[in-house]
Amino acid sequence: MSNMGSLDTTYGAAFIGLIASAVLYGVTLLQTFLYFKQYPNDSWLIKLIVFVLWILDTAHLFLCTIAIYTYLVTNFSNEAALHKSTWSMNLQTDCNGLIGLIVECFFARRVWIMSGNIIITGIIVILSCIHFGLGVLFTVEGFILVDTDRFPRLIWVTSTGLGSAAAADIIIAVALCYYLTKSRTGFARTDSLITTLIVYSLTTGLITSVIAFICVVTFATMPTNYVWLGFFWLIGKCYVNSLLAALSGLYISIAREETDALTRLNSRGSLREQAAPQDGTFLQLTPFRAVTTNNEPSSPGGDLNKESRYMDSPSLAVNVQTQTVTRTDYEYIISPPPSAKF
């Protein structure tokens, strides 16, 4: 019974973490496919980042599956093997660390573009590098220690590394929300787009921070089981999906704004068409009449002469000069269209 209890909190917890990470990997596949299909004109750098993250996420799931298969199938009924670390179990840590480094540096670049604050950007990059560096150290120590019962001496490594990742995520979320809030223009639709981006930033930043904090607490309190590992396997998937969701959320919001703008333009065009005089309408049947000031006596042919003067008189030309003033979020644009002649 004690062995079953040990398995519940060790490889049972790791197995549940593997299932959950596989589900999130399916979300990663879907978002990656939709990204390359819907946004083929993105820069090669963004496409390369998405592709590399997909490769790393795939490699992480592959290594985790090999580790669980090795422990629960290959070494079935071999209790001594359950207390030894394997090469796949050690290397999966580096995949998560590299994913976190890439994603956090990507968001650090966003903070730099929006704020120009080199101090905040530098702090985020330093914390990301600490997270990745201590992940590599954990891998090296895993190969050296081998016995998982000796892992409690690595508590400071895990706590510092994951704590740095959580701190970087919180700084990124707060900084993006702050500078996005300062970017409000007073235009309802632009502010709606900014609000959407704020929600994405808060959601993605808080999810990864909370999971990293849970990993720190569970590893510090239960270093000899794998409850922390079940949560740790989710972090990389959350990082990848947070970046893809941020890209998709931005593009969807911009596309929605462009669609609304086109709809408004089309509705204005239809109103102009409806207001234009059509054949057979009152406006079309009402000609301009010449006004005469001389009082000529009426004669039997007077009406005919009047009609002749109306027909022979030159047409009235009206030049309408218009000027369109368009106000955007950044400047006023004055564009005079060509004059219309009626």
C-alpha atoms as a PDB file:
ATOM      1  CA  MET A   1       0.000   0.000   0.000  1.00  0.00           C
ATOM      2  CA  SER A   2       2.898   2.334   0.721  1.00  0.00           C
ATOM      3  CA  ASN A   3       4.282   1.620  -2.743  1.00  0.00           C
ATOM      4  CA  MET A   4       0.927   2.421  -4.322  1.00  0.00           C
ATOM      5  CA  GLY A   5       0.793   5.646  -2.346  1.00  0.00           C
ATOM      6  CA  SER A   6       4.293   6.473  -3.527  1.00  0.00           C
ATOM      7  CA  LEU A   7       3.322   5.816  -7.132  1.00  0.00           C
ATOM      8  CA  ASP A   8       0.257   8.042  -6.823  1.00  0.00           C
ATOM      9  CA  THR A   9       2.349  11.084  -5.909  1.00  0.00           C
ATOM     10  CA  THR A  10       5.304  10.273  -8.167  1.00  0.00           C
ATOM     11  CA  TYR A  11       4.643   8.683 -11.541  1.00  0.00           C
ATOM     12  CA  GLY A  12       0.882   8.958 -11.137  1.00  0.00           C
ATOM     13  CA  ALA A  13       1.222  12.739 -10.883  1.00  0.00           C
ATOM     14  CA  ALA A  14       3.716  12.755 -13.763  1.00  0.00           C
ATOM     15  CA  PHE A  15       1.343  10.661 -15.883  1.00  0.00           C
ATOM     16  CA  ILE A  16      -1.511  13.123 -15.284  1.00  0.00           C
ATOM     17  CA  GLY A  17       0.830  15.969 -16.170  1.00  0.00           C
ATOM     18  CA  LEU A  18       1.729  14.156 -19.404  1.00  0.00           C
ATOM     19  CA  ILE A  19      -1.939  13.836 -20.382  1.00  0.00           C
ATOM     20  CA  ALA A  20      -2.610  17.504 -19.656  1.00  0.00           C
ATOM     21  CA  SER A  21       0.490  18.595 -21.584  1.00  0.00           C
ATOM     22  CA  ALA A  22      -0.586  16.432 -24.544  1.00  0.00           C
ATOM     23  CA  VAL A  23      -3.948  18.232 -24.570  1.00  0.00           C
ATOM     24  CA  LEU A  24      -2.203  21.611 -24.558  1.00  0.00           C
ATOM     25  CA  TYR A  25       0.094  20.387 -27.316  1.00  0.00           C
ATOM     26  CA  GLY A  26      -2.993  19.774 -29.426  1.00  0.00           C
ATOM     27  CA  VAL A  27      -3.941  23.420 -28.870  1.00  0.00           C
ATOM     28  CA  THR A  28      -0.404  24.376 -29.911  1.00  0.00           C
ATOM     29  CA  LEU A  29      -0.745  22.389 -33.131  1.00  0.00           C
ATOM     30  CA  LEU A  30      -4.056  24.062 -33.948  1.00  0.00           C
ATOM     31  CA  GLN A  31      -2.807  27.572 -33.241  1.00  0.00           C
ATOM     32  CA  THR A  32       0.413  26.991 -35.187  1.00  0.00           C
ATOM     33  CA  PHE A  33      -1.500  25.675 -38.206  1.00  0.00           C
ATOM     34  CA  LEU A  34      -3.946  28.597 -38.127  1.00  0.00           C
ATOM     35  CA  TYR A  35      -1.117  31.091 -37.750  1.00  0.00           C
ATOM     36  CA  PHE A  36       0.791  29.936 -40.840  1.00  0.00           C
ATOM     37  CA  LYS A  37      -2.441  29.644 -42.818  1.00  0.00           C
ATOM     38  CA  GLN A  38      -3.971  33.002 -41.934  1.00  0.00           C
ATOM     39  CA  TYR A  39      -0.874  35.204 -41.664  1.00  0.00           C
ATOM     40  CA  PRO A  40       1.485  34.172 -44.503  1.00  0.00           C
ATOM     41  CA  ASN A  41       2.776  37.734 -44.920  1.00  0.00           C
ATOM     42  CA  ASP A  42       4.309  38.020 -41.466  1.00  0.00           C
ATOM     43  CA  SER A  43       8.019  38.714 -41.185  1.00  0.00           C
ATOM     44  CA  TRP A  44      10.388  35.760 -41.478  1.00  0.00           C
ATOM     45  CA  LEU A  45      11.606  36.375 -37.904  1.00  0.00           C
ATOM     46  CA  ILE A  46       8.150  35.898 -36.383  1.00  0.00           C
ATOM     47  CA  LYS A  47       7.581  32.802 -38.509  1.00  0.00           C
ATOM     48  CA  LEU A  48      10.950  31.409 -37.431  1.00  0.00           C
ATOM     49  CA  ILE A  49      10.129  31.989 -33.757  1.00  0.00           C
ATOM     50  CA  VAL A  50       6.779  30.199 -34.104  1.00  0.00           C
ATOM     51  CA  PHE A  51       8.396  27.300 -35.963  1.00  0.00           C
ATOM     52  CA  VAL A  52      11.240  26.900 -33.423  1.00  0.00           C
ATOM     53  CA  LEU A  53       8.771  26.985 -30.527  1.00  0.00           C
ATOM     54  CA  TRP A  54       6.695  24.280 -32.192  1.00  0.00           C
ATOM     55  CA  ILE A  55       9.803  22.109 -32.661  1.00  0.00           C
ATOM     56  CA  LEU A  56      10.842  22.572 -29.018  1.00  0.00           C
ATOM     57  CA  ASP A  57       7.325  21.885 -27.772  1.00  0.00           C
ATOM     58  CA  THR A  58       7.189  18.706 -29.852  1.00  0.00           C
ATOM     59  CA  ALA A  59      10.594  17.595 -28.561  1.00  0.00           C
ATOM     60  CA  HIS A  60       9.491  18.253 -24.970  1.00  0.00           C
ATOM     61  CA  LEU A  61       6.377  16.094 -25.306  1.00  0.00           C
ATOM     62  CA  PHE A  62       8.448  13.392 -27.006  1.00  0.00           C
ATOM     63  CA  LEU A  63      10.999  13.337 -24.161  1.00  0.00           C
ATOM     64  CA  CYS A  64       8.275  13.278 -21.485  1.00  0.00           C
ATOM     65  CA  THR A  65       6.557  10.349 -23.217  1.00  0.00           C
ATOM     66  CA  ILE A  66       9.826   8.419 -23.423  1.00  0.00           C
ATOM     67  CA  ALA A  67      10.464   9.055 -19.718  1.00  0.00           C
ATOM     68  CA  ILE A  68       7.045   7.778 -18.638  1.00  0.00           C
ATOM     69  CA  TYR A  69       7.289   4.773 -20.965  1.00  0.00           C
ATOM     70  CA  THR A  70      10.741   3.921 -19.593  1.00  0.00           C
ATOM     71  CA  TYR A  71       9.594   4.040 -15.989  1.00  0.00           C
ATOM     72  CA  LEU A  72       6.174   2.419 -16.279  1.00  0.00           C
ATOM     73  CA  VAL A  73       6.617  -0.051 -19.158  1.00  0.00           C
ATOM     74  CA  THR A  74      10.266  -0.865 -19.753  1.00  0.00           C
ATOM     75  CA  ASN A  75      11.040  -1.047 -16.032  1.00  0.00           C
ATOM     76  CA  PHE A  76       7.710  -2.503 -14.970  1.00  0.00           C
ATOM     77  CA  SER A  77       7.998  -4.187 -11.552  1.00  0.00           C
ATOM     78  CA  ASN A  78      11.560  -2.848 -11.246  1.00  0.00           C
ATOM     79  CA  GLU A  79      11.174  -0.675  -8.178  1.00  0.00           C
ATOM     80  CA  ALA A  80      14.844   0.326  -8.056  1.00  0.00           C
ATOM     81  CA  ALA A  81      14.588   1.946 -11.513  1.00  0.00           C
ATOM     82  CA  LEU A  82      11.824   4.241 -10.314  1.00  0.00           C
ATOM     83  CA  HIS A  83      14.321   6.085  -8.109  1.00  0.00           C
ATOM     84  CA  LYS A  84      16.800   6.773 -10.920  1.00  0.00           C
ATOM     85  CA  SER A  85      16.700   9.706 -13.295  1.00  0.00           C
ATOM     86  CA  THR A  86      16.880   9.005 -17.018  1.00  0.00           C
ATOM     87  CA  TRP A  87      18.365  10.963 -19.904  1.00  0.00           C
ATOM     88  CA  SER A  88      14.926  11.902 -21.250  1.00  0.00           C
ATOM     89  CA  MET A  89      13.716  13.071 -17.843  1.00  0.00           C
ATOM     90  CA  ASN A  90      16.787  15.294 -17.489  1.00  0.00           C
ATOM     91  CA  LEU A  91      16.746  16.781 -20.999  1.00  0.00           C
ATOM     92  CA  GLN A  92      13.066  17.740 -20.977  1.00  0.00           C
ATOM     93  CA  THR A  93      13.930  20.475 -18.468  1.00  0.00           C
ATOM     94  CA  ASP A  94      16.096  22.263 -21.039  1.00  0.00           C
ATOM     95  CA  CYS A  95      13.300  22.271 -23.621  1.00  0.00           C
ATOM     96  CA  ASN A  96      11.007  24.067 -21.213  1.00  0.00           C
ATOM     97  CA  GLY A  97      13.779  26.464 -20.209  1.00  0.00           C
ATOM     98  CA  LEU A  98      14.584  27.369 -23.813  1.00  0.00           C
ATOM     99  CA  ILE A  99      10.909  27.856 -24.638  1.00  0.00           C
ATOM    100  CA  GLY A 100      10.540  30.191 -21.664  1.00  0.00           C
ATOM    101  CA  LEU A 101      13.641  32.163 -22.702  1.00  0.00           C
ATOM    102  CA  ILE A 102      12.398  32.709 -26.265  1.00  0.00           C
ATOM    103  CA  VAL A 103       8.867  33.699 -25.266  1.00  0.00           C
ATOM    104  CA  GLU A 104       9.942  36.036 -22.469  1.00  0.00           C
ATOM    105  CA  CYS A 105      12.496  37.741 -24.738  1.00  0.00           C
ATOM    106  CA  PHE A 106       9.785  38.134 -27.374  1.00  0.00           C
ATOM    107  CA  PHE A 107       7.527  39.921 -24.898  1.00  0.00           C
ATOM    108  CA  ALA A 108      10.511  41.888 -23.559  1.00  0.00           C
ATOM    109  CA  ARG A 109      10.978  43.238 -27.085  1.00  0.00           C
ATOM    110  CA  ARG A 110       7.339  44.314 -27.073  1.00  0.00           C
ATOM    111  CA  VAL A 111       7.876  46.147 -23.820  1.00  0.00           C
ATOM    112  CA  TRP A 112      10.947  47.844 -25.303  1.00  0.00           C
ATOM    113  CA  ILE A 113       9.053  48.933 -28.437  1.00  0.00           C
ATOM    114  CA  MET A 114       6.163  50.352 -26.414  1.00  0.00           C
ATOM    115  CA  SER A 115       8.132  52.021 -23.626  1.00  0.00           C
ATOM    116  CA  GLY A 116      11.744  52.450 -24.717  1.00  0.00           C
ATOM    117  CA  ASN A 117      12.629  51.689 -21.094  1.00  0.00           C
ATOM    118  CA  ILE A 118      15.919  49.822 -21.189  1.00  0.00           C
ATOM    119  CA  ILE A 119      15.890  49.140 -17.436  1.00  0.00           C
ATOM    120  CA  ILE A 120      12.616  47.203 -17.432  1.00  0.00           C
ATOM    121  CA  THR A 121      13.578  45.390 -20.625  1.00  0.00           C
ATOM    122  CA  GLY A 122      16.986  44.502 -19.203  1.00  0.00           C
ATOM    123  CA  ILE A 123      15.470  43.144 -15.979  1.00  0.00           C
ATOM    124  CA  ILE A 124      13.116  40.895 -17.964  1.00  0.00           C
ATOM    125  CA  VAL A 125      15.948  39.560 -20.127  1.00  0.00           C
ATOM    126  CA  ILE A 126      18.184  38.935 -17.090  1.00  0.00           C
ATOM    127  CA  LEU A 127      15.448  37.054 -15.244  1.00  0.00           C
ATOM    128  CA  SER A 128      14.772  34.984 -18.370  1.00  0.00           C
ATOM    129  CA  CYS A 129      18.447  34.082 -18.681  1.00  0.00           C
ATOM    130  CA  ILE A 130      18.562  33.110 -14.991  1.00  0.00           C
ATOM    131  CA  HIS A 131      15.564  30.841 -15.542  1.00  0.00           C
ATOM    132  CA  PHE A 132      17.218  29.156 -18.529  1.00  0.00           C
ATOM    133  CA  GLY A 133      20.671  28.937 -16.933  1.00  0.00           C
ATOM    134  CA  LEU A 134      19.406  27.287 -13.766  1.00  0.00           C
ATOM    135  CA  GLY A 135      17.381  24.876 -15.896  1.00  0.00           C
ATOM    136  CA  VAL A 136      20.602  23.777 -17.586  1.00  0.00           C
ATOM    137  CA  LEU A 137      22.226  23.444 -14.148  1.00  0.00           C
ATOM    138  CA  PHE A 138      19.324  21.261 -12.990  1.00  0.00           C
ATOM    139  CA  THR A 139      19.867  19.003 -16.014  1.00  0.00           C
ATOM    140  CA  VAL A 140      23.594  18.665 -15.309  1.00  0.00           C
ATOM    141  CA  GLU A 141      22.960  17.901 -11.634  1.00  0.00           C
ATOM    142  CA  GLY A 142      20.347  15.347 -12.632  1.00  0.00           C
ATOM    143  CA  PHE A 143      22.941  13.401 -14.616  1.00  0.00           C
ATOM    144  CA  ILE A 144      25.398  13.690 -11.700  1.00  0.00           C
ATOM    145  CA  LEU A 145      23.062  12.791  -8.832  1.00  0.00           C
ATOM    146  CA  VAL A 146      21.113  10.073 -10.719  1.00  0.00           C
ATOM    147  CA  ASP A 147      19.227   9.048  -7.575  1.00  0.00           C
ATOM    148  CA  THR A 148      16.027  11.088  -7.254  1.00  0.00           C
ATOM    149  CA  ASP A 149      16.198  10.783  -3.466  1.00  0.00           C
ATOM    150  CA  ARG A 150      19.110  13.235  -3.600  1.00  0.00           C
ATOM    151  CA  PHE A 151      17.091  15.870  -5.476  1.00  0.00           C
ATOM    152  CA  PRO A 152      16.174  17.856  -2.333  1.00  0.00           C
ATOM    153  CA  ARG A 153      19.585  19.517  -2.545  1.00  0.00           C
ATOM    154  CA  LEU A 154      18.391  21.122  -5.795  1.00  0.00           C
ATOM    155  CA  ILE A 155      15.548  23.012  -4.139  1.00  0.00           C
ATOM    156  CA  TRP A 156      17.399  26.332  -4.426  1.00  0.00           C
ATOM    157  CA  VAL A 157      17.992  25.727  -8.136  1.00  0.00           C
ATOM    158  CA  THR A 158      14.336  25.075  -8.904  1.00  0.00           C
ATOM    159  CA  SER A 159      13.027  27.777  -6.588  1.00  0.00           C
ATOM    160  CA  THR A 160      15.343  30.446  -7.992  1.00  0.00           C
ATOM    161  CA  GLY A 161      14.854  29.441 -11.612  1.00  0.00           C
ATOM    162  CA  LEU A 162      11.078  29.195 -11.566  1.00  0.00           C
ATOM    163  CA  GLY A 163      10.845  32.215  -9.273  1.00  0.00           C
ATOM    164  CA  SER A 164      12.791  34.226 -11.859  1.00  0.00           C
ATOM    165  CA  ALA A 165      10.419  33.051 -14.580  1.00  0.00           C
ATOM    166  CA  ALA A 166       7.370  34.029 -12.522  1.00  0.00           C
ATOM    167  CA  ALA A 167       8.877  37.453 -11.750  1.00  0.00           C
ATOM    168  CA  ALA A 168       9.647  38.051 -15.441  1.00  0.00           C
ATOM    169  CA  ASP A 169       6.091  37.100 -16.437  1.00  0.00           C
ATOM    170  CA  ILE A 170       4.575  39.421 -13.854  1.00  0.00           C
ATOM    171  CA  ILE A 171       6.806  42.331 -14.928  1.00  0.00           C
ATOM    172  CA  ILE A 172       5.902  41.723 -18.572  1.00  0.00           C
ATOM    173  CA  ALA A 173       2.166  41.664 -17.829  1.00  0.00           C
ATOM    174  CA  VAL A 174       2.249  44.778 -15.643  1.00  0.00           C
ATOM    175  CA  ALA A 175       4.461  46.726 -18.059  1.00  0.00           C
ATOM    176  CA  LEU A 176       2.348  45.878 -21.101  1.00  0.00           C
ATOM    177  CA  CYS A 177      -0.864  46.795 -19.293  1.00  0.00           C
ATOM    178  CA  TYR A 178       0.603  50.075 -18.054  1.00  0.00           C
ATOM    179  CA  TYR A 179       1.930  51.255 -21.400  1.00  0.00           C
ATOM    180  CA  LEU A 180      -1.136  50.047 -23.268  1.00  0.00           C
ATOM    181  CA  THR A 181      -3.314  52.029 -20.867  1.00  0.00           C
ATOM    182  CA  LYS A 182      -1.205  55.116 -21.531  1.00  0.00           C
ATOM    183  CA  SER A 183      -1.748  54.597 -25.258  1.00  0.00           C
ATOM    184  CA  ARG A 184      -5.496  55.183 -25.053  1.00  0.00           C
ATOM    185  CA  THR A 185      -6.571  57.821 -27.555  1.00  0.00           C
ATOM    186  CA  GLY A 186     -10.166  58.528 -26.593  1.00  0.00           C
ATOM    187  CA  PHE A 187     -11.502  56.860 -29.740  1.00  0.00           C
ATOM    188  CA  ALA A 188     -13.941  54.133 -28.768  1.00  0.00           C
ATOM    189  CA  ARG A 189     -12.822  51.564 -31.318  1.00  0.00           C
ATOM    190  CA  THR A 190      -9.110  52.100 -30.763  1.00  0.00           C
ATOM    191  CA  ASP A 191      -9.589  51.901 -27.010  1.00  0.00           C
ATOM    192  CA  SER A 192     -11.538  48.670 -27.498  1.00  0.00           C
ATOM    193  CA  LEU A 193      -8.535  47.201 -29.335  1.00  0.00           C
ATOM    194  CA  ILE A 194      -6.214  48.316 -26.541  1.00  0.00           C
ATOM    195  CA  THR A 195      -8.521  46.767 -23.929  1.00  0.00           C
ATOM    196  CA  THR A 196      -8.389  43.461 -25.816  1.00  0.00           C
ATOM    197  CA  LEU A 197      -4.593  43.524 -25.801  1.00  0.00           C
ATOM    198  CA  ILE A 198      -4.567  44.305 -22.070  1.00  0.00           C
ATOM    199  CA  VAL A 199      -6.774  41.296 -21.373  1.00  0.00           C
ATOM    200  CA  TYR A 200      -4.490  39.031 -23.414  1.00  0.00           C
ATOM    201  CA  SER A 201      -1.399  40.349 -21.614  1.00  0.00           C
ATOM    202  CA  LEU A 202      -2.877  39.858 -18.154  1.00  0.00           C
ATOM    203  CA  THR A 203      -4.272  36.419 -18.898  1.00  0.00           C
ATOM    204  CA  THR A 204      -1.129  34.956 -20.437  1.00  0.00           C
ATOM    205  CA  GLY A 205       1.196  36.506 -17.873  1.00  0.00           C
ATOM    206  CA  LEU A 206      -0.823  35.419 -14.866  1.00  0.00           C
ATOM    207  CA  ILE A 207      -1.297  31.823 -16.047  1.00  0.00           C
ATOM    208  CA  THR A 208       2.423  31.149 -16.453  1.00  0.00           C
ATOM    209  CA  SER A 209       3.230  32.982 -13.209  1.00  0.00           C
ATOM    210  CA  VAL A 210       0.714  30.976 -11.193  1.00  0.00           C
ATOM    211  CA  ILE A 211       1.932  27.648 -12.592  1.00  0.00           C
ATOM    212  CA  ALA A 212       5.574  28.563 -11.903  1.00  0.00           C
ATOM    213  CA  PHE A 213       4.661  29.553  -8.347  1.00  0.00           C
ATOM    214  CA  ILE A 214       2.864  26.213  -7.811  1.00  0.00           C
ATOM    215  CA  CYS A 215       5.958  24.377  -9.061  1.00  0.00           C
ATOM    216  CA  VAL A 216       8.176  26.250  -6.605  1.00  0.00           C
ATOM    217  CA  VAL A 217       5.880  25.542  -3.654  1.00  0.00           C
ATOM    218  CA  THR A 218       5.339  21.855  -4.453  1.00  0.00           C
ATOM    219  CA  PHE A 219       9.020  21.165  -5.096  1.00  0.00           C
ATOM    220  CA  ALA A 220      10.087  22.998  -1.933  1.00  0.00           C
ATOM    221  CA  THR A 221       7.599  21.082   0.210  1.00  0.00           C
ATOM    222  CA  MET A 222       7.636  17.703  -1.604  1.00  0.00           C
ATOM    223  CA  PRO A 223      10.993  17.369  -3.427  1.00  0.00           C
ATOM    224  CA  THR A 224      10.958  13.558  -3.434  1.00  0.00           C
ATOM    225  CA  ASN A 225       7.756  13.163  -5.457  1.00  0.00           C
ATOM    226  CA  TYR A 226       6.677  14.367  -8.886  1.00  0.00           C
ATOM    227  CA  VAL A 227       3.703  16.552  -8.072  1.00  0.00           C
ATOM    228  CA  TRP A 228       5.808  19.567  -9.068  1.00  0.00           C
ATOM    229  CA  LEU A 229       6.779  17.810 -12.293  1.00  0.00           C
ATOM    230  CA  GLY A 230       3.147  17.469 -13.366  1.00  0.00           C
ATOM    231  CA  PHE A 231       2.806  21.265 -13.220  1.00  0.00           C
ATOM    232  CA  PHE A 232       6.259  21.888 -14.666  1.00  0.00           C
ATOM    233  CA  TRP A 233       5.398  19.988 -17.831  1.00  0.00           C
ATOM    234  CA  LEU A 234       2.559  22.448 -18.439  1.00  0.00           C
ATOM    235  CA  ILE A 235       4.674  25.607 -18.300  1.00  0.00           C
ATOM    236  CA  GLY A 236       6.288  25.212 -21.712  1.00  0.00           C
ATOM    237  CA  LYS A 237       2.923  24.544 -23.372  1.00  0.00           C
ATOM    238  CA  CYS A 238       1.454  27.624 -21.691  1.00  0.00           C
ATOM    239  CA  TYR A 239       4.367  29.764 -22.895  1.00  0.00           C
ATOM    240  CA  VAL A 240       3.965  28.660 -26.506  1.00  0.00           C
ATOM    241  CA  ASN A 241       0.194  29.102 -26.495  1.00  0.00           C
ATOM    242  CA  SER A 242       0.487  32.497 -24.820  1.00  0.00           C
ATOM    243  CA  LEU A 243       2.692  33.780 -27.644  1.00  0.00           C
ATOM    244  CA  LEU A 244       0.439  32.324 -30.340  1.00  0.00           C
ATOM    245  CA  ALA A 245      -2.652  33.693 -28.594  1.00  0.00           C
ATOM    246  CA  ALA A 246      -1.043  37.127 -28.355  1.00  0.00           C
ATOM    247  CA  LEU A 247      -0.279  37.131 -32.086  1.00  0.00           C
ATOM    248  CA  SER A 248      -3.709  35.834 -33.054  1.00  0.00           C
ATOM    249  CA  GLY A 249      -5.495  38.153 -30.619  1.00  0.00           C
ATOM    250  CA  LEU A 250      -3.722  41.194 -32.022  1.00  0.00           C
ATOM    251  CA  TYR A 251      -4.477  40.282 -35.628  1.00  0.00           C
ATOM    252  CA  ILE A 252      -8.093  39.360 -34.908  1.00  0.00           C
ATOM    253  CA  SER A 253      -8.685  42.678 -33.134  1.00  0.00           C
ATOM    254  CA  ILE A 254      -7.086  44.651 -35.958  1.00  0.00           C
ATOM    255  CA  ALA A 255      -9.062  42.698 -38.551  1.00  0.00           C
ATOM    256  CA  ARG A 256     -12.270  43.368 -36.639  1.00  0.00           C
ATOM    257  CA  GLU A 257     -11.527  47.091 -36.600  1.00  0.00           C
ATOM    258  CA  GLU A 258     -10.762  47.082 -40.339  1.00  0.00           C
ATOM    259  CA  THR A 259     -13.977  45.169 -41.055  1.00  0.00           C
ATOM    260  CA  ASP A 260     -16.012  47.667 -39.046  1.00  0.00           C
ATOM    261  CA  ALA A 261     -14.381  50.541 -40.900  1.00  0.00           C
ATOM    262  CA  LEU A 262     -15.146  48.983 -44.290  1.00  0.00           C
ATOM    263  CA  THR A 263     -18.723  48.348 -43.204  1.00  0.00           C
ATOM    264  CA  ARG A 264     -19.138  51.992 -42.248  1.00  0.00           C
ATOM    265  CA  LEU A 265     -17.687  53.122 -45.593  1.00  0.00           C
ATOM    266  CA  ASN A 266     -19.984  50.783 -47.521  1.00  0.00           C
ATOM    267  CA  SER A 267     -23.013  51.979 -45.575  1.00  0.00           C
ATOM    268  CA  ARG A 268     -22.144  55.587 -46.376  1.00  0.00           C
ATOM    269  CA  GLY A 269     -21.783  54.687 -50.051  1.00  0.00           C
ATOM    270  CA  SER A 270     -25.196  53.052 -50.080  1.00  0.00           C
ATOM    271  CA  LEU A 271     -26.722  56.156 -48.477  1.00  0.00           C
ATOM    272  CA  ARG A 272     -25.229  58.325 -51.202  1.00  0.00           C
ATOM    273  CA  GLU A 273     -26.702  56.052 -53.849  1.00  0.00           C
ATOM    274  CA  GLN A 274     -30.103  56.195 -52.203  1.00  0.00           C
ATOM    275  CA  ALA A 275     -29.975  59.995 -51.944  1.00  0.00           C
ATOM    276  CA  ALA A 276     -28.881  60.470 -55.590  1.00  0.00           C
ATOM    277  CA  PRO A 277     -31.671  61.517 -58.005  1.00  0.00           C
ATOM    278  CA  GLN A 278     -32.964  58.607 -60.022  1.00  0.00           C
ATOM    279  CA  ASP A 279     -34.772  58.617 -63.347  1.00  0.00           C
ATOM    280  CA  GLY A 280     -38.465  59.296 -62.935  1.00  0.00           C
ATOM    281  CA  THR A 281     -38.166  60.808 -59.468  1.00  0.00           C
ATOM    282  CA  PHE A 282     -39.310  64.250 -58.425  1.00  0.00           C
ATOM    283  CA  LEU A 283     -35.738  65.570 -58.346  1.00  0.00           C
ATOM    284  CA  GLN A 284     -34.995  64.228 -61.807  1.00  0.00           C
ATOM    285  CA  LEU A 285     -38.238  65.687 -63.318  1.00  0.00           C
ATOM    286  CA  THR A 286     -37.672  69.168 -61.914  1.00  0.00           C
ATOM    287  CA  PRO A 287     -35.484  71.166 -64.369  1.00  0.00           C
ATOM    288  CA  PHE A 288     -33.812  74.485 -63.654  1.00  0.00           C
ATOM    289  CA  ARG A 289     -36.045  77.296 -64.989  1.00  0.00           C
ATOM    290  CA  ALA A 290     -34.750  80.466 -66.510  1.00  0.00           C
ATOM    291  CA  VAL A 291     -36.034  83.571 -64.772  1.00  0.00           C
ATOM    292  CA  THR A 292     -36.842  86.573 -66.960  1.00  0.00           C
ATOM    293  CA  THR A 293     -37.268  90.116 -65.748  1.00  0.00           C
ATOM    294  CA  ASN A 294     -38.840  91.658 -68.849  1.00  0.00           C
ATOM    295  CA  ASN A 295     -42.617  91.856 -68.932  1.00  0.00           C
ATOM    296  CA  GLU A 296     -43.559  90.890 -72.443  1.00  0.00           C
ATOM    297  CA  PRO A 297     -47.176  90.853 -73.475  1.00  0.00           C
ATOM    298  CA  SER A 298     -48.670  87.527 -73.823  1.00  0.00           C
ATOM    299  CA  SER A 299     -49.394  86.365 -77.285  1.00  0.00           C
ATOM    300  CA  PRO A 300     -50.872  83.250 -78.761  1.00  0.00           C
ATOM    301  CA  GLY A 301     -47.409  81.970 -79.495  1.00  0.00           C
ATOM    302  CA  GLY A 302     -45.942  83.279 -76.291  1.00  0.00           C
ATOM    303  CA  ASP A 303     -45.950  79.972 -74.528  1.00  0.00           C
ATOM    304  CA  LEU A 304     -44.193  78.372 -77.442  1.00  0.00           C
ATOM    305  CA  ASN A 305     -41.568  81.144 -77.507  1.00  0.00           C
ATOM    306  CA  LYS A 306     -40.981  80.712 -73.780  1.00  0.00           C
ATOM    307  CA  GLU A 307     -40.447  77.020 -74.194  1.00  0.00           C
ATOM    308  CA  SER A 308     -38.046  77.759 -77.036  1.00  0.00           C
ATOM    309  CA  ARG A 309     -36.081  80.144 -74.819  1.00  0.00           C
ATOM    310  CA  TYR A 310     -35.978  77.547 -72.084  1.00  0.00           C
ATOM    311  CA  MET A 311     -34.676  74.942 -74.459  1.00  0.00           C
ATOM    312  CA  ASP A 312     -32.153  77.242 -76.160  1.00  0.00           C
ATOM    313  CA  SER A 313     -30.834  78.800 -72.951  1.00  0.00           C
ATOM    314  CA  PRO A 314     -27.421  77.513 -71.860  1.00  0.00           C
ATOM    315  CA  SER A 315     -27.403  74.867 -69.130  1.00  0.00           C
ATOM    316  CA  LEU A 316     -26.527  75.950 -65.655  1.00  0.00           C
ATOM    317  CA  ALA A 317     -23.147  74.551 -64.518  1.00  0.00           C
ATOM    318  CA  VAL A 318     -22.621  74.194 -60.801  1.00  0.00           C
ATOM    319  CA  ASN A 319     -19.129  73.531 -59.508  1.00  0.00           C
ATOM    320  CA  VAL A 320     -19.038  72.032 -56.046  1.00  0.00           C
ATOM    321  CA  GLN A 321     -15.692  72.164 -54.283  1.00  0.00           C
ATOM    322  CA  THR A 322     -15.453  69.736 -51.391  1.00  0.00           C
ATOM    323  CA  GLN A 323     -12.778  69.047 -48.856  1.00  0.00           C
ATOM    324  CA  THR A 324     -12.585  65.929 -46.718  1.00  0.00           C
ATOM    325  CA  VAL A 325     -10.970  66.131 -43.301  1.00  0.00           C
ATOM    326  CA  THR A 326     -10.133  62.734 -41.816  1.00  0.00           C
ATOM    327  CA  ARG A 327      -8.994  62.465 -38.212  1.00  0.00           C
ATOM    328  CA  THR A 328      -6.906  59.453 -37.288  1.00  0.00           C
ATOM    329  CA  ASP A 329      -5.359  58.488 -33.985  1.00  0.00           C
ATOM    330  CA  TYR A 330      -2.138  60.280 -34.825  1.00  0.00           C
ATOM    331  CA  GLU A 331      -2.790  63.252 -37.109  1.00  0.00           C
ATOM    332  CA  TYR A 332      -5.215  65.137 -39.272  1.00  0.00           C
ATOM    333  CA  ILE A 333      -5.229  64.269 -42.967  1.00  0.00           C
ATOM    334  CA  ILE A 334      -6.829  66.778 -45.368  1.00  0.00           C
ATOM    335  CA  SER A 335      -7.460  65.364 -48.802  1.00  0.00           C
ATOM    336  CA  PRO A 336      -9.382  67.500 -51.383  1.00  0.00           C
ATOM    337  CA  PRO A 337     -11.082  65.253 -53.943  1.00  0.00           C
ATOM    338  CA  PRO A 338     -11.670  66.454 -57.531  1.00  0.00           C
ATOM    339  CA  SER A 339     -14.586  68.855 -57.935  1.00  0.00           C
ATOM    340  CA  ALA A 340     -17.914  67.418 -59.005  1.00  0.00           C
ATOM    341  CA  LYS A 341     -19.771  68.980 -61.932  1.00  0.00           C
ATOM    342  CA  PHE A 342     -23.497  68.802 -62.279  1.00  0.00           C
END
